[in-house]
Amino acid sequence: MVPRTRRRTPRPFLGSGLALVACLIGLAACSHHDQLDTSKAQEQIGTKLEAYYRPSPVSGTRCPDRVPLAKGSTFHCSTRVQGQTVGIVVTQLDDTGRVSFEPAAAVILVDKTVSDLRARLATLYSQDGTPSPVSVDCGSDPVRVISPHGSFTCAVTAGTQRFREQVTVEDVAGHVAYRPVS
């Protein structure tokens, strides 16, 4: 019997770390003192996400053209990671243009999920201390963009047993829980 829940180690840096790195971005417009310079926001968000999601390609970061400067207000941008659209929530920290941002959904790197499941299940299905061969198929998409509490399933073969594992996203930082499903 497979244990009911197994957790994946969180991806370092994304959750609060990504927001903290971004919060020092000053984006007040030079020519319009009542507008945020969203072109700088686009550039900074794209650069930070490229570094974080490497080696997956990040492209097409887009923010609204005009956003009034207003402490505490939020606006939405988007970017593409490996061809999947990711919403970005941007919060203005003050009325001078400093912002923080956070993805609205988790970007799950499928190869890492497959590796994690394979390693965990090989140990669970070991025979006489020797890890059992395990194959895991989570589909052909290299990344999945999934909101918290969303899930997807992977087909697993461990030794002679075949079953499905449900991967449930717990938060935008990419924490997931695994659970066998019938």
C-alpha atoms as a PDB file:
ATOM      1  CA  MET A   1       0.000   0.000   0.000  1.00  0.00           C
ATOM      2  CA  VAL A   2       1.317   3.448  -0.897  1.00  0.00           C
ATOM      3  CA  PRO A   3       1.286   6.086   1.876  1.00  0.00           C
ATOM      4  CA  ARG A   4      -1.595   8.520   1.403  1.00  0.00           C
ATOM      5  CA  THR A   5       0.345  11.769   1.111  1.00  0.00           C
ATOM      6  CA  ARG A   6       3.910  12.639   0.221  1.00  0.00           C
ATOM      7  CA  ARG A   7       5.194  16.191  -0.107  1.00  0.00           C
ATOM      8  CA  ARG A   8       7.606  17.596  -2.616  1.00  0.00           C
ATOM      9  CA  THR A   9      10.418  19.757  -1.353  1.00  0.00           C
ATOM     10  CA  PRO A  10       9.509  23.390  -2.063  1.00  0.00           C
ATOM     11  CA  ARG A  11      11.271  25.258  -4.825  1.00  0.00           C
ATOM     12  CA  PRO A  12      13.624  27.669  -3.124  1.00  0.00           C
ATOM     13  CA  PHE A  13      13.179  31.398  -3.608  1.00  0.00           C
ATOM     14  CA  LEU A  14       9.800  31.756  -5.346  1.00  0.00           C
ATOM     15  CA  GLY A  15       7.106  32.430  -2.769  1.00  0.00           C
ATOM     16  CA  SER A  16       8.171  35.265  -0.555  1.00  0.00           C
ATOM     17  CA  GLY A  17      11.717  35.282  -1.926  1.00  0.00           C
ATOM     18  CA  LEU A  18      10.673  36.363  -5.398  1.00  0.00           C
ATOM     19  CA  ALA A  19       8.390  39.030  -3.996  1.00  0.00           C
ATOM     20  CA  LEU A  20      11.131  40.333  -1.720  1.00  0.00           C
ATOM     21  CA  VAL A  21      13.652  40.553  -4.536  1.00  0.00           C
ATOM     22  CA  ALA A  22      11.179  42.446  -6.647  1.00  0.00           C
ATOM     23  CA  CYS A  23       9.939  44.805  -3.943  1.00  0.00           C
ATOM     24  CA  LEU A  24      12.872  47.142  -4.356  1.00  0.00           C
ATOM     25  CA  ILE A  25      12.039  47.904  -7.960  1.00  0.00           C
ATOM     26  CA  GLY A  26      11.276  51.623  -8.188  1.00  0.00           C
ATOM     27  CA  LEU A  27       9.047  52.266 -11.157  1.00  0.00           C
ATOM     28  CA  ALA A  28       7.785  55.826 -10.884  1.00  0.00           C
ATOM     29  CA  ALA A  29       7.462  57.375 -14.309  1.00  0.00           C
ATOM     30  CA  CYS A  30       9.725  60.296 -15.085  1.00  0.00           C
ATOM     31  CA  SER A  31       7.366  62.147 -17.409  1.00  0.00           C
ATOM     32  CA  HIS A  32       4.043  61.316 -15.699  1.00  0.00           C
ATOM     33  CA  HIS A  33       4.294  61.725 -11.929  1.00  0.00           C
ATOM     34  CA  ASP A  34       0.870  60.174 -11.387  1.00  0.00           C
ATOM     35  CA  GLN A  35       1.552  57.049 -13.498  1.00  0.00           C
ATOM     36  CA  LEU A  36       3.649  53.955 -12.862  1.00  0.00           C
ATOM     37  CA  ASP A  37       6.310  53.182 -15.488  1.00  0.00           C
ATOM     38  CA  THR A  38       4.942  49.769 -16.436  1.00  0.00           C
ATOM     39  CA  SER A  39       7.546  49.231 -19.174  1.00  0.00           C
ATOM     40  CA  LYS A  40      10.149  49.035 -16.405  1.00  0.00           C
ATOM     41  CA  ALA A  41       7.877  46.669 -14.480  1.00  0.00           C
ATOM     42  CA  GLN A  42       7.629  44.396 -17.528  1.00  0.00           C
ATOM     43  CA  GLU A  43      11.391  44.361 -17.943  1.00  0.00           C
ATOM     44  CA  GLN A  44      12.156  43.750 -14.259  1.00  0.00           C
ATOM     45  CA  ILE A  45       9.503  41.045 -13.840  1.00  0.00           C
ATOM     46  CA  GLY A  46      10.697  39.269 -16.993  1.00  0.00           C
ATOM     47  CA  THR A  47      14.322  39.386 -15.841  1.00  0.00           C
ATOM     48  CA  LYS A  48      13.530  38.042 -12.349  1.00  0.00           C
ATOM     49  CA  LEU A  49      11.342  35.243 -13.711  1.00  0.00           C
ATOM     50  CA  GLU A  50      13.919  34.260 -16.345  1.00  0.00           C
ATOM     51  CA  ALA A  51      16.483  33.791 -13.582  1.00  0.00           C
ATOM     52  CA  TYR A  52      14.064  31.848 -11.413  1.00  0.00           C
ATOM     53  CA  TYR A  53      12.573  29.484 -14.000  1.00  0.00           C
ATOM     54  CA  ARG A  54      15.845  28.762 -15.814  1.00  0.00           C
ATOM     55  CA  PRO A  55      16.305  26.550 -17.843  1.00  0.00           C
ATOM     56  CA  SER A  56      12.671  26.925 -18.983  1.00  0.00           C
ATOM     57  CA  PRO A  57      12.375  29.842 -21.406  1.00  0.00           C
ATOM     58  CA  VAL A  58      10.432  32.905 -20.221  1.00  0.00           C
ATOM     59  CA  SER A  59       9.078  35.331 -22.803  1.00  0.00           C
ATOM     60  CA  GLY A  60       6.396  37.866 -23.581  1.00  0.00           C
ATOM     61  CA  THR A  61       6.029  39.599 -20.225  1.00  0.00           C
ATOM     62  CA  ARG A  62       3.178  42.104 -20.594  1.00  0.00           C
ATOM     63  CA  CYS A  63       1.768  44.710 -18.220  1.00  0.00           C
ATOM     64  CA  PRO A  64      -0.942  47.355 -18.765  1.00  0.00           C
ATOM     65  CA  ASP A  65       0.240  50.542 -20.483  1.00  0.00           C
ATOM     66  CA  ARG A  66      -1.162  52.897 -17.851  1.00  0.00           C
ATOM     67  CA  VAL A  67      -1.396  52.297 -14.123  1.00  0.00           C
ATOM     68  CA  PRO A  68      -2.022  55.160 -11.673  1.00  0.00           C
ATOM     69  CA  LEU A  69       0.463  55.466  -8.810  1.00  0.00           C
ATOM     70  CA  ALA A  70      -1.393  54.418  -5.667  1.00  0.00           C
ATOM     71  CA  LYS A  71       0.034  52.725  -2.591  1.00  0.00           C
ATOM     72  CA  GLY A  72      -1.535  49.311  -1.999  1.00  0.00           C
ATOM     73  CA  SER A  73      -3.193  49.010  -5.388  1.00  0.00           C
ATOM     74  CA  THR A  74      -2.619  45.968  -7.545  1.00  0.00           C
ATOM     75  CA  PHE A  75      -2.549  45.290 -11.247  1.00  0.00           C
ATOM     76  CA  HIS A  76      -1.984  42.218 -13.359  1.00  0.00           C
ATOM     77  CA  CYS A  77       0.749  41.322 -15.805  1.00  0.00           C
ATOM     78  CA  SER A  78       1.405  38.071 -17.630  1.00  0.00           C
ATOM     79  CA  THR A  79       4.367  36.168 -18.964  1.00  0.00           C
ATOM     80  CA  ARG A  80       4.952  32.888 -20.750  1.00  0.00           C
ATOM     81  CA  VAL A  81       7.050  30.063 -19.318  1.00  0.00           C
ATOM     82  CA  GLN A  82       7.814  27.297 -21.803  1.00  0.00           C
ATOM     83  CA  GLY A  83       4.799  28.478 -23.818  1.00  0.00           C
ATOM     84  CA  GLN A  84       2.382  28.441 -20.844  1.00  0.00           C
ATOM     85  CA  THR A  85       0.820  31.742 -19.724  1.00  0.00           C
ATOM     86  CA  VAL A  86       1.416  32.726 -16.101  1.00  0.00           C
ATOM     87  CA  GLY A  87      -0.528  35.565 -14.480  1.00  0.00           C
ATOM     88  CA  ILE A  88       1.473  37.926 -12.279  1.00  0.00           C
ATOM     89  CA  VAL A  89      -0.079  39.995  -9.469  1.00  0.00           C
ATOM     90  CA  VAL A  90       1.820  43.256  -8.921  1.00  0.00           C
ATOM     91  CA  THR A  91       1.283  45.298  -5.755  1.00  0.00           C
ATOM     92  CA  GLN A  92       2.382  48.924  -5.370  1.00  0.00           C
ATOM     93  CA  LEU A  93       4.218  49.302  -2.071  1.00  0.00           C
ATOM     94  CA  ASP A  94       4.080  53.100  -1.984  1.00  0.00           C
ATOM     95  CA  ASP A  95       3.138  56.042  -4.177  1.00  0.00           C
ATOM     96  CA  THR A  96       6.676  56.442  -5.545  1.00  0.00           C
ATOM     97  CA  GLY A  97       6.632  53.347  -7.721  1.00  0.00           C
ATOM     98  CA  ARG A  98       8.101  50.548  -5.601  1.00  0.00           C
ATOM     99  CA  VAL A  99       6.334  47.254  -6.309  1.00  0.00           C
ATOM    100  CA  SER A 100       6.372  43.601  -5.364  1.00  0.00           C
ATOM    101  CA  PHE A 101       5.030  40.798  -7.503  1.00  0.00           C
ATOM    102  CA  GLU A 102       4.049  37.174  -7.264  1.00  0.00           C
ATOM    103  CA  PRO A 103       2.824  34.623  -9.801  1.00  0.00           C
ATOM    104  CA  ALA A 104      -0.920  33.940  -9.562  1.00  0.00           C
ATOM    105  CA  ALA A 105      -0.308  30.212 -10.127  1.00  0.00           C
ATOM    106  CA  ALA A 106       2.477  27.708  -9.631  1.00  0.00           C
ATOM    107  CA  VAL A 107       4.734  26.748 -12.513  1.00  0.00           C
ATOM    108  CA  ILE A 108       5.365  23.037 -12.117  1.00  0.00           C
ATOM    109  CA  LEU A 109       8.375  21.676 -13.974  1.00  0.00           C
ATOM    110  CA  VAL A 110       7.144  18.241 -15.035  1.00  0.00           C
ATOM    111  CA  ASP A 111      10.633  16.689 -15.255  1.00  0.00           C
ATOM    112  CA  LYS A 112      11.270  17.595 -11.609  1.00  0.00           C
ATOM    113  CA  THR A 113       7.904  16.144 -10.586  1.00  0.00           C
ATOM    114  CA  VAL A 114       8.668  12.908 -12.456  1.00  0.00           C
ATOM    115  CA  SER A 115      12.130  12.671 -10.831  1.00  0.00           C
ATOM    116  CA  ASP A 116      10.717  13.335  -7.378  1.00  0.00           C
ATOM    117  CA  LEU A 117       7.958  10.743  -7.745  1.00  0.00           C
ATOM    118  CA  ARG A 118      10.350   8.175  -9.200  1.00  0.00           C
ATOM    119  CA  ALA A 119      12.820   8.590  -6.319  1.00  0.00           C
ATOM    120  CA  ARG A 120      10.146   8.455  -3.617  1.00  0.00           C
ATOM    121  CA  LEU A 121       8.351   5.454  -5.063  1.00  0.00           C
ATOM    122  CA  ALA A 122      11.542   3.493  -5.816  1.00  0.00           C
ATOM    123  CA  THR A 123      12.294   3.560  -2.087  1.00  0.00           C
ATOM    124  CA  LEU A 124       8.728   2.622  -1.115  1.00  0.00           C
ATOM    125  CA  TYR A 125       8.725  -0.332  -3.480  1.00  0.00           C
ATOM    126  CA  SER A 126      12.249  -1.505  -2.731  1.00  0.00           C
ATOM    127  CA  GLN A 127      12.850  -5.213  -2.360  1.00  0.00           C
ATOM    128  CA  ASP A 128      15.470  -6.353   0.128  1.00  0.00           C
ATOM    129  CA  GLY A 129      16.894  -2.811   0.234  1.00  0.00           C
ATOM    130  CA  THR A 130      17.250  -2.621  -3.544  1.00  0.00           C
ATOM    131  CA  PRO A 131      15.143   0.159  -5.099  1.00  0.00           C
ATOM    132  CA  SER A 132      12.508  -1.168  -7.451  1.00  0.00           C
ATOM    133  CA  PRO A 133      12.425   0.155 -11.023  1.00  0.00           C
ATOM    134  CA  VAL A 134       9.744   2.836 -11.296  1.00  0.00           C
ATOM    135  CA  SER A 135       8.435   4.595 -14.369  1.00  0.00           C
ATOM    136  CA  VAL A 136       6.350   7.763 -14.162  1.00  0.00           C
ATOM    137  CA  ASP A 137       4.448   9.453 -16.994  1.00  0.00           C
ATOM    138  CA  CYS A 138       2.942  12.879 -16.278  1.00  0.00           C
ATOM    139  CA  GLY A 139       2.241  13.744 -19.913  1.00  0.00           C
ATOM    140  CA  SER A 140       4.228  15.539 -22.575  1.00  0.00           C
ATOM    141  CA  ASP A 141       3.955  19.160 -21.371  1.00  0.00           C
ATOM    142  CA  PRO A 142       7.343  20.309 -20.016  1.00  0.00           C
ATOM    143  CA  VAL A 143       5.650  22.697 -17.559  1.00  0.00           C
ATOM    144  CA  ARG A 144       2.197  23.004 -16.072  1.00  0.00           C
ATOM    145  CA  VAL A 145       0.756  26.257 -14.782  1.00  0.00           C
ATOM    146  CA  ILE A 146      -1.689  25.344 -12.049  1.00  0.00           C
ATOM    147  CA  SER A 147      -3.538  27.440  -9.475  1.00  0.00           C
ATOM    148  CA  PRO A 148      -3.377  26.432  -5.814  1.00  0.00           C
ATOM    149  CA  HIS A 149      -5.607  23.413  -5.070  1.00  0.00           C
ATOM    150  CA  GLY A 150      -5.537  22.367  -8.733  1.00  0.00           C
ATOM    151  CA  SER A 151      -4.119  18.974  -9.640  1.00  0.00           C
ATOM    152  CA  PHE A 152      -3.015  16.618 -12.376  1.00  0.00           C
ATOM    153  CA  THR A 153      -2.324  12.884 -12.456  1.00  0.00           C
ATOM    154  CA  CYS A 154       0.660  10.795 -13.424  1.00  0.00           C
ATOM    155  CA  ALA A 155       0.670   7.139 -14.483  1.00  0.00           C
ATOM    156  CA  VAL A 156       3.075   5.036 -12.417  1.00  0.00           C
ATOM    157  CA  THR A 157       4.516   1.555 -12.832  1.00  0.00           C
ATOM    158  CA  ALA A 158       6.427   0.307  -9.788  1.00  0.00           C
ATOM    159  CA  GLY A 159       7.635  -3.233 -10.123  1.00  0.00           C
ATOM    160  CA  THR A 160       4.534  -5.148 -11.213  1.00  0.00           C
ATOM    161  CA  GLN A 161       2.046  -2.591  -9.895  1.00  0.00           C
ATOM    162  CA  ARG A 162       0.349   0.068 -12.016  1.00  0.00           C
ATOM    163  CA  PHE A 163      -1.501   3.010 -10.508  1.00  0.00           C
ATOM    164  CA  ARG A 164      -2.024   6.754 -10.790  1.00  0.00           C
ATOM    165  CA  GLU A 165      -0.640   9.468  -8.513  1.00  0.00           C
ATOM    166  CA  GLN A 166      -2.512  12.716  -8.088  1.00  0.00           C
ATOM    167  CA  VAL A 167      -0.263  15.765  -7.819  1.00  0.00           C
ATOM    168  CA  THR A 168      -2.066  18.607  -6.017  1.00  0.00           C
ATOM    169  CA  VAL A 169      -0.607  22.111  -6.016  1.00  0.00           C
ATOM    170  CA  GLU A 170      -0.766  23.667  -2.565  1.00  0.00           C
ATOM    171  CA  ASP A 171       0.432  27.215  -3.275  1.00  0.00           C
ATOM    172  CA  VAL A 172       1.992  29.482  -5.915  1.00  0.00           C
ATOM    173  CA  ALA A 173       5.467  28.594  -4.640  1.00  0.00           C
ATOM    174  CA  GLY A 174       5.071  25.113  -6.138  1.00  0.00           C
ATOM    175  CA  HIS A 175       4.571  23.023  -2.993  1.00  0.00           C
ATOM    176  CA  VAL A 176       2.724  19.882  -4.019  1.00  0.00           C
ATOM    177  CA  ALA A 177       1.244  16.853  -2.326  1.00  0.00           C
ATOM    178  CA  TYR A 178       1.141  13.381  -3.864  1.00  0.00           C
ATOM    179  CA  ARG A 179      -1.681  10.916  -3.361  1.00  0.00           C
ATOM    180  CA  PRO A 180      -2.422   7.618  -5.089  1.00  0.00           C
ATOM    181  CA  VAL A 181      -5.779   7.534  -6.851  1.00  0.00           C
ATOM    182  CA  SER A 182      -7.787   4.655  -8.213  1.00  0.00           C
END
